Amino acid sequence: MDLAEYLRSKELSQDDFAKQLGVTQGLVWQWLSARTRITAERALEIEAATAGAVSRHELRPDVFGQPPRKKAEAA
C-alpha cells in the first residue's frame, strides 16, 4: 500500500499524519506529490507509524530492495 492509499484508508489528514511523525504537513504533501524524496530514515519511521502497512521497501526500493517474499508466495 502506498502512503496516499494508507492516509485515505485510515481517513487521516496530511496534518494528522505529519504530527505523528513530528514533521510539517507541507513535507507530507511534498512526499505525496513526489516533490521531495522520502529519506531512508523517514521510510523506517513511516513503516513503524503505519504498523507496516506502508513498507520501507515500497517507499525506498533503491535502499531497502524488494520486500521479502511470504511463504505462500515462495511455494
Protein backbone atom coordinates (compact mmCIF):
# COMPACT_ATOMS: atom_id res chain seq x y z
CA MET A 1 0.00 0.00 0.00
CA ASP A 2 1.36 3.42 -0.80
CA LEU A 3 1.25 6.35 1.59
CA ALA A 4 -1.66 8.13 -0.13
CA GLU A 5 -3.76 4.94 -0.01
CA TYR A 6 -2.93 4.49 3.64
CA LEU A 7 -4.00 8.01 4.55
CA ARG A 8 -7.27 7.57 2.63
CA SER A 9 -8.00 4.17 4.17
CA LYS A 10 -7.43 5.47 7.69
CA GLU A 11 -9.17 8.78 6.94
CA LEU A 12 -6.06 10.58 8.18
CA SER A 13 -5.28 14.09 7.09
CA GLN A 14 -1.80 15.04 5.99
CA ASP A 15 -1.63 17.28 9.05
CA ASP A 16 -2.57 14.49 11.47
CA PHE A 17 -0.03 12.12 9.92
CA ALA A 18 2.63 14.83 9.98
CA LYS A 19 2.02 15.34 13.70
CA GLN A 20 2.50 11.60 14.30
CA LEU A 21 5.90 11.79 12.64
CA GLY A 22 6.90 15.17 14.03
CA VAL A 23 7.16 16.81 10.60
CA THR A 24 5.19 19.52 8.83
CA GLN A 25 2.08 18.96 6.75
CA GLY A 26 3.95 20.60 3.90
CA LEU A 27 6.61 17.89 3.98
CA VAL A 28 3.95 15.16 3.84
CA TRP A 29 2.40 16.97 0.86
CA GLN A 30 5.82 17.07 -0.82
CA TRP A 31 6.22 13.32 -0.33
CA LEU A 32 2.75 12.61 -1.73
CA SER A 33 3.32 14.85 -4.74
CA ALA A 34 6.82 13.40 -5.30
CA ARG A 35 8.43 16.82 -4.94
CA THR A 36 10.65 15.56 -2.14
CA ARG A 37 12.01 12.06 -1.81
CA ILE A 38 11.40 10.28 1.48
CA THR A 39 14.70 9.65 3.24
CA ALA A 40 15.63 6.15 4.30
CA GLU A 41 15.30 7.18 7.93
CA ARG A 42 11.82 8.61 7.37
CA ALA A 43 10.84 5.46 5.46
CA LEU A 44 11.60 3.45 8.59
CA GLU A 45 9.56 5.88 10.70
CA ILE A 46 6.62 5.73 8.27
CA GLU A 47 6.73 1.93 8.27
CA ALA A 48 6.60 1.94 12.08
CA ALA A 49 3.86 4.60 12.24
CA THR A 50 1.70 2.61 9.82
CA ALA A 51 2.37 -0.72 11.55
CA GLY A 52 3.95 -2.00 8.35
CA ALA A 53 1.01 -1.14 6.09
CA VAL A 54 3.34 1.18 4.16
CA SER A 55 6.65 -0.62 3.91
CA ARG A 56 10.13 0.82 3.68
CA HIS A 57 10.63 -1.43 0.66
CA GLU A 58 7.81 0.30 -1.19
CA LEU A 59 8.91 3.76 -0.16
CA ARG A 60 12.62 3.31 -0.97
CA PRO A 61 13.27 0.14 -3.01
CA ASP A 62 16.59 1.68 -4.09
CA VAL A 63 17.78 1.47 -0.49
CA PHE A 64 15.88 -1.46 1.00
CA GLY A 65 15.35 -3.66 -2.08
CA GLN A 66 12.28 -5.74 -2.67
CA PRO A 67 10.21 -6.92 0.28
CA PRO A 68 10.89 -10.44 1.49
CA ARG A 69 8.61 -12.99 -0.11
CA LYS A 70 5.92 -14.51 2.04
CA LYS A 71 5.87 -18.29 2.47
CA ALA A 72 2.72 -18.62 0.34
CA GLU A 73 4.44 -16.76 -2.49
CA ALA A 74 7.58 -18.86 -2.23
CA ALA A 75 5.74 -22.16 -2.69
